[in-house]
Amino acid sequence: MPAARVTVTLPPELVAEIDRRERNRSRFVLDAVRREVLRRRREELRRSLAHPHLETSELADAGLEEWGTSPNAAEDADLLDPGASRSIRWVEGRGWVEKRR
């Protein structure tokens, strides 16, 4: 993936601290930003799970079993294809990817 150039202004003492620990400032900043983005995603997920949207709670309470017996289930049957399932796994930095067999 091509990189995007970003200008960031930091206090000189922080830049000196980075330079003492890492020769490649860009890599240091990239790693720090990735960790922070991941931390914030996790925090957002925790908040969402702790306080789900009303519509989500209602849907979860209704459950898949009720949906399967609903009048629209026959019309929606093509939405689920059991033969189309794939094994997937989470890869840090890439997201969900298909498992190798």
N, C-alpha and C. Protein backbone atom coordinates (compact mmCIF):
# COMPACT_ATOMS: atom_id res chain seq x y z
N MET A 1 0.86 -1.17 0.00
CA MET A 1 0.00 0.00 0.00
C MET A 1 0.90 1.23 0.00
N PRO A 2 0.63 2.18 -0.89
CA PRO A 2 1.46 3.38 -0.89
C PRO A 2 1.26 4.20 0.38
N ALA A 3 2.32 4.84 0.79
CA ALA A 3 2.28 5.64 2.02
C ALA A 3 1.81 7.05 1.70
N ALA A 4 1.15 7.67 2.66
CA ALA A 4 0.75 9.07 2.56
C ALA A 4 1.67 9.87 3.47
N ARG A 5 2.15 10.97 2.97
CA ARG A 5 3.03 11.82 3.76
C ARG A 5 2.16 12.74 4.63
N VAL A 6 2.51 12.78 5.92
CA VAL A 6 1.77 13.58 6.89
C VAL A 6 2.78 14.41 7.68
N THR A 7 2.47 15.66 7.86
CA THR A 7 3.32 16.51 8.68
C THR A 7 2.75 16.58 10.08
N VAL A 8 3.59 16.28 11.06
CA VAL A 8 3.16 16.30 12.46
C VAL A 8 4.12 17.21 13.22
N THR A 9 3.57 18.08 14.03
CA THR A 9 4.39 18.98 14.84
C THR A 9 4.44 18.43 16.26
N LEU A 10 5.67 18.21 16.75
CA LEU A 10 5.87 17.68 18.09
C LEU A 10 6.82 18.59 18.86
N PRO A 11 6.70 18.62 20.16
CA PRO A 11 7.64 19.40 20.97
C PRO A 11 9.06 18.83 20.80
N PRO A 12 10.06 19.70 20.77
CA PRO A 12 11.44 19.24 20.55
C PRO A 12 11.91 18.20 21.56
N GLU A 13 11.49 18.32 22.80
CA GLU A 13 11.93 17.33 23.81
C GLU A 13 11.36 15.94 23.52
N LEU A 14 10.16 15.89 22.94
CA LEU A 14 9.57 14.60 22.58
C LEU A 14 10.31 14.00 21.38
N VAL A 15 10.66 14.83 20.42
CA VAL A 15 11.43 14.35 19.26
C VAL A 15 12.78 13.81 19.73
N ALA A 16 13.42 14.49 20.65
CA ALA A 16 14.70 14.02 21.19
C ALA A 16 14.51 12.68 21.90
N GLU A 17 13.42 12.53 22.61
CA GLU A 17 13.13 11.26 23.30
C GLU A 17 12.94 10.13 22.29
N ILE A 18 12.22 10.41 21.22
CA ILE A 18 12.03 9.42 20.16
C ILE A 18 13.39 9.04 19.56
N ASP A 19 14.21 10.04 19.25
CA ASP A 19 15.51 9.80 18.63
C ASP A 19 16.42 8.96 19.52
N ARG A 20 16.29 9.07 20.83
CA ARG A 20 17.09 8.26 21.75
C ARG A 20 16.69 6.79 21.69
N ARG A 21 15.46 6.53 21.31
CA ARG A 21 14.94 5.16 21.33
C ARG A 21 14.87 4.49 19.96
N GLU A 22 14.78 5.27 18.91
CA GLU A 22 14.55 4.71 17.58
C GLU A 22 15.25 5.56 16.53
N ARG A 23 15.97 4.90 15.64
CA ARG A 23 16.65 5.65 14.56
C ARG A 23 15.67 6.11 13.50
N ASN A 24 14.61 5.35 13.29
CA ASN A 24 13.64 5.67 12.25
C ASN A 24 12.41 6.31 12.90
N ARG A 25 12.34 7.63 12.87
CA ARG A 25 11.21 8.35 13.49
C ARG A 25 9.88 7.93 12.88
N SER A 26 9.85 7.82 11.56
CA SER A 26 8.59 7.47 10.89
C SER A 26 8.04 6.14 11.39
N ARG A 27 8.92 5.15 11.50
CA ARG A 27 8.48 3.83 11.98
C ARG A 27 7.97 3.94 13.42
N PHE A 28 8.65 4.71 14.24
CA PHE A 28 8.24 4.88 15.63
C PHE A 28 6.84 5.51 15.69
N VAL A 29 6.65 6.58 14.93
CA VAL A 29 5.35 7.26 14.93
C VAL A 29 4.28 6.34 14.36
N LEU A 30 4.59 5.61 13.28
CA LEU A 30 3.63 4.68 12.69
C LEU A 30 3.20 3.62 13.70
N ASP A 31 4.15 3.02 14.39
CA ASP A 31 3.82 2.02 15.40
C ASP A 31 2.94 2.60 16.51
N ALA A 32 3.29 3.80 16.96
CA ALA A 32 2.52 4.44 18.03
C ALA A 32 1.10 4.75 17.57
N VAL A 33 0.95 5.24 16.35
CA VAL A 33 -0.38 5.58 15.83
C VAL A 33 -1.20 4.31 15.65
N ARG A 34 -0.60 3.25 15.13
CA ARG A 34 -1.33 1.98 14.98
C ARG A 34 -1.84 1.47 16.32
N ARG A 35 -0.98 1.50 17.34
CA ARG A 35 -1.40 1.05 18.67
C ARG A 35 -2.56 1.91 19.20
N GLU A 36 -2.47 3.21 18.98
CA GLU A 36 -3.52 4.11 19.48
C GLU A 36 -4.83 3.87 18.74
N VAL A 37 -4.78 3.69 17.44
CA VAL A 37 -6.00 3.42 16.67
C VAL A 37 -6.64 2.12 17.15
N LEU A 38 -5.83 1.09 17.34
CA LEU A 38 -6.34 -0.19 17.84
C LEU A 38 -6.95 -0.02 19.24
N ARG A 39 -6.28 0.72 20.10
CA ARG A 39 -6.80 0.96 21.45
C ARG A 39 -8.15 1.66 21.39
N ARG A 40 -8.27 2.65 20.51
CA ARG A 40 -9.54 3.37 20.40
C ARG A 40 -10.64 2.50 19.82
N ARG A 41 -10.31 1.65 18.84
CA ARG A 41 -11.31 0.72 18.29
C ARG A 41 -11.83 -0.19 19.38
N ARG A 42 -10.90 -0.73 20.17
CA ARG A 42 -11.32 -1.62 21.26
C ARG A 42 -12.20 -0.88 22.26
N GLU A 43 -11.84 0.33 22.59
CA GLU A 43 -12.63 1.13 23.52
C GLU A 43 -14.03 1.40 22.95
N GLU A 44 -14.11 1.71 21.67
CA GLU A 44 -15.41 1.93 21.04
C GLU A 44 -16.25 0.66 21.09
N LEU A 45 -15.61 -0.49 20.84
CA LEU A 45 -16.33 -1.75 20.91
C LEU A 45 -16.83 -2.02 22.33
N ARG A 46 -15.98 -1.77 23.32
CA ARG A 46 -16.40 -1.95 24.72
C ARG A 46 -17.61 -1.08 25.05
N ARG A 47 -17.54 0.19 24.61
CA ARG A 47 -18.68 1.10 24.87
C ARG A 47 -19.93 0.61 24.16
N SER A 48 -19.77 0.14 22.92
CA SER A 48 -20.91 -0.34 22.16
C SER A 48 -21.53 -1.57 22.81
N LEU A 49 -20.68 -2.48 23.30
CA LEU A 49 -21.20 -3.68 23.96
C LEU A 49 -21.86 -3.34 25.29
N ALA A 50 -21.30 -2.36 25.99
CA ALA A 50 -21.87 -1.96 27.28
C ALA A 50 -23.18 -1.20 27.11
N HIS A 51 -23.30 -0.46 26.02
CA HIS A 51 -24.49 0.37 25.78
C HIS A 51 -24.93 0.20 24.32
N PRO A 52 -25.51 -0.97 23.97
CA PRO A 52 -25.89 -1.20 22.58
C PRO A 52 -27.02 -0.27 22.15
N HIS A 53 -27.07 -0.03 20.85
CA HIS A 53 -28.16 0.76 20.29
C HIS A 53 -29.47 0.01 20.53
N LEU A 54 -30.54 0.74 20.71
CA LEU A 54 -31.84 0.13 20.99
C LEU A 54 -32.22 -0.87 19.90
N GLU A 55 -31.99 -0.50 18.62
CA GLU A 55 -32.36 -1.38 17.51
C GLU A 55 -31.57 -2.69 17.57
N THR A 56 -30.30 -2.61 17.95
CA THR A 56 -29.47 -3.80 18.05
C THR A 56 -29.97 -4.70 19.15
N SER A 57 -30.31 -4.12 20.29
CA SER A 57 -30.82 -4.91 21.41
C SER A 57 -32.12 -5.61 21.03
N GLU A 58 -32.99 -4.90 20.35
CA GLU A 58 -34.26 -5.50 19.95
C GLU A 58 -34.04 -6.65 18.98
N LEU A 59 -33.12 -6.47 18.05
CA LEU A 59 -32.82 -7.52 17.08
C LEU A 59 -32.22 -8.73 17.78
N ALA A 60 -31.31 -8.52 18.70
CA ALA A 60 -30.69 -9.62 19.43
C ALA A 60 -31.73 -10.34 20.29
N ASP A 61 -32.64 -9.58 20.90
CA ASP A 61 -33.67 -10.19 21.73
C ASP A 61 -34.61 -11.03 20.89
N ALA A 62 -34.89 -10.59 19.65
CA ALA A 62 -35.79 -11.34 18.77
C ALA A 62 -35.15 -12.68 18.42
N GLY A 63 -33.87 -12.67 18.12
CA GLY A 63 -33.14 -13.90 17.87
C GLY A 63 -33.34 -14.47 16.49
N LEU A 64 -32.41 -15.31 16.09
CA LEU A 64 -32.43 -15.94 14.78
C LEU A 64 -33.57 -16.93 14.65
N GLU A 65 -33.90 -17.63 15.75
CA GLU A 65 -34.97 -18.62 15.69
C GLU A 65 -36.29 -17.97 15.30
N GLU A 66 -36.58 -16.83 15.93
CA GLU A 66 -37.82 -16.12 15.61
C GLU A 66 -37.80 -15.65 14.17
N TRP A 67 -36.64 -15.18 13.69
CA TRP A 67 -36.54 -14.74 12.30
C TRP A 67 -36.80 -15.90 11.36
N GLY A 68 -36.29 -17.09 11.71
CA GLY A 68 -36.47 -18.26 10.85
C GLY A 68 -37.91 -18.71 10.72
N THR A 69 -38.73 -18.37 11.70
CA THR A 69 -40.15 -18.77 11.65
C THR A 69 -41.05 -17.62 11.22
N SER A 70 -40.43 -16.49 10.85
CA SER A 70 -41.25 -15.33 10.46
C SER A 70 -41.84 -15.54 9.06
N PRO A 71 -42.91 -14.81 8.74
CA PRO A 71 -43.54 -14.93 7.41
C PRO A 71 -42.57 -14.60 6.27
N ASN A 72 -41.55 -13.77 6.51
CA ASN A 72 -40.61 -13.39 5.45
C ASN A 72 -39.44 -14.36 5.33
N ALA A 73 -39.38 -15.38 6.17
CA ALA A 73 -38.22 -16.28 6.17
C ALA A 73 -38.04 -16.95 4.81
N ALA A 74 -39.12 -17.36 4.17
CA ALA A 74 -39.01 -18.02 2.87
C ALA A 74 -38.42 -17.07 1.83
N GLU A 75 -38.83 -15.80 1.87
CA GLU A 75 -38.31 -14.81 0.93
C GLU A 75 -36.83 -14.53 1.19
N ASP A 76 -36.44 -14.59 2.46
CA ASP A 76 -35.07 -14.27 2.85
C ASP A 76 -34.15 -15.49 2.86
N ALA A 77 -34.66 -16.67 2.52
CA ALA A 77 -33.86 -17.90 2.63
C ALA A 77 -32.57 -17.82 1.82
N ASP A 78 -32.58 -17.11 0.72
CA ASP A 78 -31.38 -17.03 -0.10
C ASP A 78 -30.30 -16.15 0.52
N LEU A 79 -30.61 -15.48 1.62
CA LEU A 79 -29.60 -14.67 2.29
C LEU A 79 -28.57 -15.54 3.00
N LEU A 80 -28.95 -16.73 3.40
CA LEU A 80 -28.05 -17.64 4.09
C LEU A 80 -27.75 -18.83 3.19
N ASP A 81 -26.48 -19.05 2.91
CA ASP A 81 -26.07 -20.18 2.10
C ASP A 81 -25.06 -20.99 2.90
N PRO A 82 -25.51 -22.07 3.55
CA PRO A 82 -24.60 -22.84 4.40
C PRO A 82 -23.38 -23.36 3.65
N GLY A 83 -23.51 -23.63 2.37
CA GLY A 83 -22.38 -24.13 1.59
C GLY A 83 -21.36 -23.06 1.25
N ALA A 84 -21.69 -21.81 1.51
CA ALA A 84 -20.79 -20.71 1.15
C ALA A 84 -19.87 -20.32 2.30
N SER A 85 -19.92 -21.03 3.40
CA SER A 85 -19.12 -20.63 4.56
C SER A 85 -17.63 -20.87 4.30
N ARG A 86 -16.80 -20.05 4.96
CA ARG A 86 -15.35 -20.15 4.86
C ARG A 86 -14.77 -20.00 6.25
N SER A 87 -13.67 -20.67 6.48
CA SER A 87 -12.95 -20.49 7.75
C SER A 87 -12.13 -19.22 7.64
N ILE A 88 -12.23 -18.38 8.65
CA ILE A 88 -11.48 -17.14 8.65
C ILE A 88 -10.72 -16.99 9.95
N ARG A 89 -9.74 -16.10 9.95
CA ARG A 89 -8.99 -15.80 11.16
C ARG A 89 -8.63 -14.32 11.15
N TRP A 90 -8.37 -13.78 12.33
CA TRP A 90 -8.01 -12.36 12.48
C TRP A 90 -6.50 -12.22 12.33
N VAL A 91 -6.06 -11.31 11.46
CA VAL A 91 -4.64 -11.02 11.28
C VAL A 91 -4.44 -9.55 11.62
N GLU A 92 -3.61 -9.30 12.62
CA GLU A 92 -3.33 -7.93 13.05
C GLU A 92 -2.84 -7.10 11.88
N GLY A 93 -3.44 -5.96 11.68
CA GLY A 93 -3.05 -5.05 10.61
C GLY A 93 -3.73 -5.34 9.27
N ARG A 94 -4.35 -6.52 9.14
CA ARG A 94 -5.03 -6.86 7.89
C ARG A 94 -6.52 -7.12 8.08
N GLY A 95 -6.91 -7.50 9.30
CA GLY A 95 -8.31 -7.79 9.56
C GLY A 95 -8.61 -9.27 9.37
N TRP A 96 -9.84 -9.59 8.98
CA TRP A 96 -10.27 -10.98 8.81
C TRP A 96 -9.79 -11.49 7.46
N VAL A 97 -9.12 -12.61 7.47
CA VAL A 97 -8.64 -13.24 6.24
C VAL A 97 -9.01 -14.72 6.27
N GLU A 98 -9.08 -15.30 5.09
CA GLU A 98 -9.44 -16.72 4.98
C GLU A 98 -8.30 -17.58 5.53
N LYS A 99 -8.66 -18.61 6.28
CA LYS A 99 -7.65 -19.52 6.85
C LYS A 99 -7.06 -20.36 5.74
N ARG A 100 -5.76 -20.62 5.85
CA ARG A 100 -5.11 -21.56 4.94
C ARG A 100 -5.40 -22.96 5.42
N ARG A 101 -5.58 -23.84 4.51
CA ARG A 101 -5.88 -25.24 4.89
C ARG A 101 -4.65 -26.09 4.81
